[in-house]
C-alpha atoms as a PDB file:
ATOM      1  CA  UNK A   1     -44.940  -5.003   8.244  1.00  0.00           C
ATOM      2  CA  UNK A   2     -46.146  -3.152   5.098  1.00  0.00           C
ATOM      3  CA  UNK A   3     -49.844  -2.275   5.049  1.00  0.00           C
ATOM      4  CA  UNK A   4     -50.644  -4.298   1.908  1.00  0.00           C
ATOM      5  CA  UNK A   5     -48.812  -7.448   2.973  1.00  0.00           C
ATOM      6  CA  UNK A   6     -51.098 -10.445   3.357  1.00  0.00           C
ATOM      7  CA  UNK A   7     -50.090 -13.218   5.725  1.00  0.00           C
ATOM      8  CA  UNK A   8     -51.753 -16.409   6.810  1.00  0.00           C
ATOM      9  CA  UNK A   9     -52.443 -16.259  10.515  1.00  0.00           C
ATOM     10  CA  UNK A  10     -53.946 -19.701  10.906  1.00  0.00           C
ATOM     11  CA  UNK A  11     -52.519 -22.668  12.772  1.00  0.00           C
ATOM     12  CA  UNK A  12     -54.516 -25.270  10.853  1.00  0.00           C
ATOM     13  CA  UNK A  13     -52.713 -27.633   8.494  1.00  0.00           C
ATOM     14  CA  UNK A  14     -54.876 -28.681   5.563  1.00  0.00           C
ATOM     15  CA  UNK A  15     -53.494 -32.204   5.388  1.00  0.00           C
ATOM     16  CA  UNK A  16     -55.617 -33.275   2.426  1.00  0.00           C
ATOM     17  CA  UNK A  17     -54.270 -30.426   0.312  1.00  0.00           C
ATOM     18  CA  UNK A  18     -50.691 -30.951   1.452  1.00  0.00           C
ATOM     19  CA  UNK A  19     -50.852 -34.678   0.664  1.00  0.00           C
ATOM     20  CA  UNK A  20     -52.459 -34.098  -2.742  1.00  0.00           C
ATOM     21  CA  UNK A  21     -49.783 -31.572  -3.727  1.00  0.00           C
ATOM     22  CA  UNK A  22     -46.973 -33.739  -2.331  1.00  0.00           C
ATOM     23  CA  UNK A  23     -48.238 -36.740  -4.317  1.00  0.00           C
ATOM     24  CA  UNK A  24     -48.217 -34.746  -7.575  1.00  0.00           C
ATOM     25  CA  UNK A  25     -45.002 -32.824  -7.005  1.00  0.00           C
ATOM     26  CA  UNK A  26     -42.265 -33.526  -9.574  1.00  0.00           C
ATOM     27  CA  UNK A  27     -39.155 -35.222  -8.251  1.00  0.00           C
ATOM     28  CA  UNK A  28     -36.151 -33.175  -7.184  1.00  0.00           C
ATOM     29  CA  UNK A  29     -34.152 -33.756 -10.376  1.00  0.00           C
ATOM     30  CA  UNK A  30     -37.019 -32.502 -12.570  1.00  0.00           C
ATOM     31  CA  UNK A  31     -37.378 -29.363 -10.473  1.00  0.00           C
ATOM     32  CA  UNK A  32     -33.608 -28.832 -10.654  1.00  0.00           C
ATOM     33  CA  UNK A  33     -33.737 -29.169 -14.470  1.00  0.00           C
ATOM     34  CA  UNK A  34     -36.701 -26.778 -14.610  1.00  0.00           C
ATOM     35  CA  UNK A  35     -34.768 -24.247 -12.558  1.00  0.00           C
ATOM     36  CA  UNK A  36     -31.798 -24.539 -14.945  1.00  0.00           C
ATOM     37  CA  UNK A  37     -34.163 -24.114 -17.899  1.00  0.00           C
ATOM     38  CA  UNK A  38     -35.402 -20.804 -16.521  1.00  0.00           C
ATOM     39  CA  UNK A  39     -31.851 -19.693 -15.693  1.00  0.00           C
ATOM     40  CA  UNK A  40     -30.943 -20.065 -19.373  1.00  0.00           C
ATOM     41  CA  UNK A  41     -33.960 -17.928 -20.271  1.00  0.00           C
ATOM     42  CA  UNK A  42     -32.936 -15.372 -17.646  1.00  0.00           C
ATOM     43  CA  UNK A  43     -30.407 -13.502 -19.777  1.00  0.00           C
ATOM     44  CA  UNK A  44     -31.424 -10.484 -21.871  1.00  0.00           C
ATOM     45  CA  UNK A  45     -29.088 -11.348 -24.765  1.00  0.00           C
ATOM     46  CA  UNK A  46     -30.502 -14.855 -24.986  1.00  0.00           C
ATOM     47  CA  UNK A  47     -34.019 -13.390 -24.713  1.00  0.00           C
ATOM     48  CA  UNK A  48     -33.261 -11.155 -27.701  1.00  0.00           C
ATOM     49  CA  UNK A  49     -31.980 -14.127 -29.672  1.00  0.00           C
ATOM     50  CA  UNK A  50     -35.048 -16.183 -28.790  1.00  0.00           C
ATOM     51  CA  UNK A  51     -37.329 -13.301 -29.766  1.00  0.00           C
ATOM     52  CA  UNK A  52     -35.576 -13.001 -33.134  1.00  0.00           C
ATOM     53  CA  UNK A  53     -35.780 -16.758 -33.724  1.00  0.00           C
ATOM     54  CA  UNK A  54     -39.457 -16.688 -32.756  1.00  0.00           C
ATOM     55  CA  UNK A  55     -39.908 -14.298 -35.678  1.00  0.00           C
ATOM     56  CA  UNK A  56     -37.738 -16.135 -38.193  1.00  0.00           C
ATOM     57  CA  UNK A  57     -35.039 -18.723 -38.699  1.00  0.00           C
ATOM     58  CA  UNK A  58     -31.708 -16.857 -38.804  1.00  0.00           C
ATOM     59  CA  UNK A  59     -27.992 -17.436 -39.243  1.00  0.00           C
ATOM     60  CA  UNK A  60     -25.285 -16.189 -36.851  1.00  0.00           C
ATOM     61  CA  UNK A  61     -24.323 -13.309 -39.168  1.00  0.00           C
ATOM     62  CA  UNK A  62     -27.908 -12.035 -39.339  1.00  0.00           C
ATOM     63  CA  UNK A  63     -28.318 -12.266 -35.563  1.00  0.00           C
ATOM     64  CA  UNK A  64     -25.006 -10.446 -35.038  1.00  0.00           C
ATOM     65  CA  UNK A  65     -26.104  -7.547 -37.267  1.00  0.00           C
ATOM     66  CA  UNK A  66     -29.596  -7.440 -35.749  1.00  0.00           C
ATOM     67  CA  UNK A  67     -28.299  -7.331 -32.172  1.00  0.00           C
ATOM     68  CA  UNK A  68     -25.149  -5.299 -32.913  1.00  0.00           C
ATOM     69  CA  UNK A  69     -22.910  -8.002 -31.470  1.00  0.00           C
ATOM     70  CA  UNK A  70     -19.966 -10.032 -32.701  1.00  0.00           C
ATOM     71  CA  UNK A  71     -20.507 -13.375 -34.399  1.00  0.00           C
ATOM     72  CA  UNK A  72     -18.400 -14.911 -31.630  1.00  0.00           C
ATOM     73  CA  UNK A  73     -20.678 -13.541 -28.899  1.00  0.00           C
ATOM     74  CA  UNK A  74     -23.790 -14.728 -30.747  1.00  0.00           C
ATOM     75  CA  UNK A  75     -22.247 -18.167 -31.305  1.00  0.00           C
ATOM     76  CA  UNK A  76     -21.472 -18.464 -27.598  1.00  0.00           C
ATOM     77  CA  UNK A  77     -25.070 -17.663 -26.639  1.00  0.00           C
ATOM     78  CA  UNK A  78     -26.451 -20.008 -29.311  1.00  0.00           C
ATOM     79  CA  UNK A  79     -24.250 -22.799 -27.943  1.00  0.00           C
ATOM     80  CA  UNK A  80     -25.809 -22.314 -24.486  1.00  0.00           C
ATOM     81  CA  UNK A  81     -29.311 -22.235 -25.979  1.00  0.00           C
ATOM     82  CA  UNK A  82     -28.563 -25.376 -27.996  1.00  0.00           C
ATOM     83  CA  UNK A  83     -27.232 -27.201 -24.918  1.00  0.00           C
ATOM     84  CA  UNK A  84     -30.484 -26.326 -23.123  1.00  0.00           C
ATOM     85  CA  UNK A  85     -32.446 -27.666 -26.115  1.00  0.00           C
ATOM     86  CA  UNK A  86     -34.045 -24.283 -26.784  1.00  0.00           C
ATOM     87  CA  UNK A  87     -32.729 -23.883 -30.324  1.00  0.00           C
ATOM     88  CA  UNK A  88     -31.903 -26.227 -33.178  1.00  0.00           C
ATOM     89  CA  UNK A  89     -30.010 -25.706 -36.390  1.00  0.00           C
ATOM     90  CA  UNK A  90     -29.864 -26.857 -39.953  1.00  0.00           C
ATOM     91  CA  UNK A  91     -27.045 -26.524 -42.432  1.00  0.00           C
ATOM     92  CA  UNK A  92     -27.549 -25.244 -45.962  1.00  0.00           C
ATOM     93  CA  UNK A  93     -24.184 -25.365 -47.709  1.00  0.00           C
ATOM     94  CA  UNK A  94     -21.832 -23.230 -45.612  1.00  0.00           C
ATOM     95  CA  UNK A  95     -24.650 -21.405 -43.822  1.00  0.00           C
ATOM     96  CA  UNK A  96     -26.087 -22.653 -40.524  1.00  0.00           C
ATOM     97  CA  UNK A  97     -29.625 -21.512 -39.761  1.00  0.00           C
ATOM     98  CA  UNK A  98     -30.975 -21.468 -36.211  1.00  0.00           C
ATOM     99  CA  UNK A  99     -34.586 -21.720 -35.090  1.00  0.00           C
ATOM    100  CA  UNK A 100     -36.529 -22.434 -31.906  1.00  0.00           C
ATOM    101  CA  UNK A 101     -36.316 -26.133 -31.091  1.00  0.00           C
ATOM    102  CA  UNK A 102     -40.074 -26.718 -30.942  1.00  0.00           C
ATOM    103  CA  UNK A 103     -43.501 -25.206 -30.352  1.00  0.00           C
ATOM    104  CA  UNK A 104     -43.100 -25.554 -26.564  1.00  0.00           C
ATOM    105  CA  UNK A 105     -40.283 -23.005 -26.582  1.00  0.00           C
ATOM    106  CA  UNK A 106     -42.296 -20.706 -28.852  1.00  0.00           C
ATOM    107  CA  UNK A 107     -45.278 -20.979 -26.510  1.00  0.00           C
ATOM    108  CA  UNK A 108     -43.252 -20.410 -23.317  1.00  0.00           C
ATOM    109  CA  UNK A 109     -41.510 -17.391 -24.808  1.00  0.00           C
ATOM    110  CA  UNK A 110     -44.699 -15.852 -26.212  1.00  0.00           C
ATOM    111  CA  UNK A 111     -46.643 -16.524 -22.995  1.00  0.00           C
ATOM    112  CA  UNK A 112     -43.865 -14.877 -20.975  1.00  0.00           C
ATOM    113  CA  UNK A 113     -43.970 -11.804 -23.201  1.00  0.00           C
ATOM    114  CA  UNK A 114     -47.745 -11.669 -22.960  1.00  0.00           C
ATOM    115  CA  UNK A 115     -47.514 -11.844 -19.170  1.00  0.00           C
ATOM    116  CA  UNK A 116     -45.001  -9.003 -18.798  1.00  0.00           C
ATOM    117  CA  UNK A 117     -46.990  -6.840 -21.226  1.00  0.00           C
ATOM    118  CA  UNK A 118     -50.063  -7.076 -18.922  1.00  0.00           C
ATOM    119  CA  UNK A 119     -48.537  -4.477 -16.569  1.00  0.00           C
END
């Protein structure tokens, strides 16, 4: 066992705490959906797209140039982000502009960045 590893060596079950947490625990389907949500975020290309859209609404062509990728590859990633309700779009003539779907996504993304920058 590594020197810095901390383990609980007690045999006591804190039933009041266990019951309180169990009572408030989300149901299995919500936790499954939450896991899927984080899986979608767990791709560096999608993280780059989300970062760009956190800065500004952008079209596929702009994102492709910014990230040095094909429009097809960007469109594929945007489709996944749209299916996960992380991005939305609006059409202006022939141009489709993408943005983060709401302030929750902006907050989650920015909080995540803040956390990893604490190192």
